[in-house]
Amino acid sequence: MIDPRGQIVESTAGRDKTRYFVIVGVCDEAHVYIVDGVTHKACRPKKKKLKHLRFCGKQLDMDKELEGGAGTLDAYVRKGLAAILRQSEI
C-alpha cells in the first residue's frame, strides 16, 4: 500500500457523507485515520474504511505538520482544505 498521508478524500458513507478530510495515518489495509480540523481533530482522528472514501487526487504536504503537534495540524488542515476546495471544484 502506498503511503496515503496527506491525501484529500471525500466521505461516501456515514453521517459525514460528502465532507472532505485529510488522511493522517494508516490503521491497517482496510482502515485509515482522517481529520478535517473542525469536527475530527488531530488529537482524536476518525477511523474510516477505505471503501467509504473517494480519493480526490489532491494532496497536502504533511511531513513537517505531523511533527508540529495537534493544534498546528488542525489549523493547517482547515486552511489547506478550504484553499483547495475554493481553488478547484473537486
Protein backbone atom coordinates (compact mmCIF):
# COMPACT_ATOMS: atom_id res chain seq x y z
CA MET A 1 0.00 0.00 0.00
CA ILE A 2 1.33 3.44 -0.92
CA ASP A 3 1.58 5.94 1.94
CA PRO A 4 -1.69 7.92 1.62
CA ARG A 5 -0.90 10.52 4.32
CA GLY A 6 -1.88 13.99 3.16
CA GLN A 7 -4.35 12.78 0.52
CA ILE A 8 -7.63 14.67 0.39
CA VAL A 9 -10.64 12.37 0.39
CA GLU A 10 -14.41 12.70 0.32
CA SER A 11 -16.53 10.54 2.58
CA THR A 12 -19.07 8.49 0.60
CA ALA A 13 -20.87 6.81 3.51
CA GLY A 14 -21.97 7.53 7.05
CA ARG A 15 -23.11 10.67 8.80
CA ASP A 16 -20.14 12.58 7.39
CA LYS A 17 -21.09 11.75 3.78
CA THR A 18 -19.99 14.42 1.22
CA ARG A 19 -17.50 16.01 3.67
CA TYR A 20 -13.83 16.38 2.84
CA PHE A 21 -10.99 15.11 5.03
CA VAL A 22 -7.23 14.60 5.01
CA ILE A 23 -5.67 11.21 5.74
CA VAL A 24 -3.19 11.43 8.64
CA GLY A 25 -2.46 7.77 9.29
CA VAL A 26 -2.99 4.15 8.33
CA CYS A 27 -4.56 1.69 10.76
CA ASP A 28 -4.44 -1.45 8.60
CA GLU A 29 -5.02 -2.35 4.95
CA ALA A 30 -8.74 -1.53 5.14
CA HIS A 31 -8.79 1.49 7.51
CA VAL A 32 -7.21 4.94 7.69
CA TYR A 33 -7.36 7.83 10.15
CA ILE A 34 -8.86 11.07 8.81
CA VAL A 35 -9.17 14.64 10.14
CA ASP A 36 -10.81 17.84 8.97
CA GLY A 37 -9.55 20.16 11.71
CA VAL A 38 -13.10 21.05 12.83
CA THR A 39 -15.22 18.07 13.90
CA HIS A 40 -12.47 15.45 13.73
CA LYS A 41 -9.29 16.96 15.10
CA ALA A 42 -5.75 15.60 15.15
CA CYS A 43 -5.96 14.64 18.82
CA ARG A 44 -8.87 12.30 18.02
CA PRO A 45 -8.89 11.32 14.32
CA LYS A 46 -11.75 9.33 12.83
CA LYS A 47 -11.11 5.74 11.78
CA LYS A 48 -12.73 5.14 8.38
CA LYS A 49 -12.80 2.26 5.91
CA LEU A 50 -11.06 2.94 2.62
CA LYS A 51 -14.05 1.64 0.67
CA HIS A 52 -16.12 4.50 2.16
CA LEU A 53 -13.75 7.17 0.84
CA ARG A 54 -13.24 8.72 -2.60
CA PHE A 55 -9.73 9.96 -3.35
CA CYS A 56 -9.81 13.41 -4.95
CA GLY A 57 -6.33 13.44 -6.47
CA LYS A 58 -5.18 16.39 -4.34
CA GLN A 59 -2.66 16.30 -1.51
CA LEU A 60 -1.46 18.45 1.37
CA ASP A 61 2.22 18.33 2.31
CA MET A 62 2.02 16.82 5.81
CA ASP A 63 5.64 15.89 6.62
CA LYS A 64 6.52 18.90 8.78
CA GLU A 65 2.99 19.41 10.15
CA LEU A 66 2.63 15.87 11.57
CA GLU A 67 5.65 16.53 13.80
CA GLY A 68 4.44 20.00 14.89
CA GLY A 69 1.61 18.94 17.18
CA ALA A 70 -2.17 18.68 17.14
CA GLY A 71 -3.01 22.40 17.28
CA THR A 72 -0.83 23.36 14.34
CA LEU A 73 -2.00 20.35 12.34
CA ASP A 74 -5.68 21.25 12.82
CA ALA A 75 -5.12 24.81 11.64
CA TYR A 76 -3.02 23.62 8.69
CA VAL A 77 -5.70 21.10 7.63
CA ARG A 78 -8.54 23.63 7.94
CA LYS A 79 -6.70 26.24 5.87
CA GLY A 80 -5.42 23.70 3.35
CA LEU A 81 -8.82 22.11 2.76
CA ALA A 82 -10.51 25.50 2.44
CA ALA A 83 -7.91 26.73 -0.05
CA ILE A 84 -8.03 23.62 -2.22
CA LEU A 85 -11.83 23.44 -2.22
CA ARG A 86 -12.07 27.14 -3.06
CA GLN A 87 -9.43 26.85 -5.77
CA SER A 88 -10.99 23.97 -7.68
CA GLU A 89 -14.24 22.12 -7.83
CA ILE A 90 -13.36 18.60 -6.65
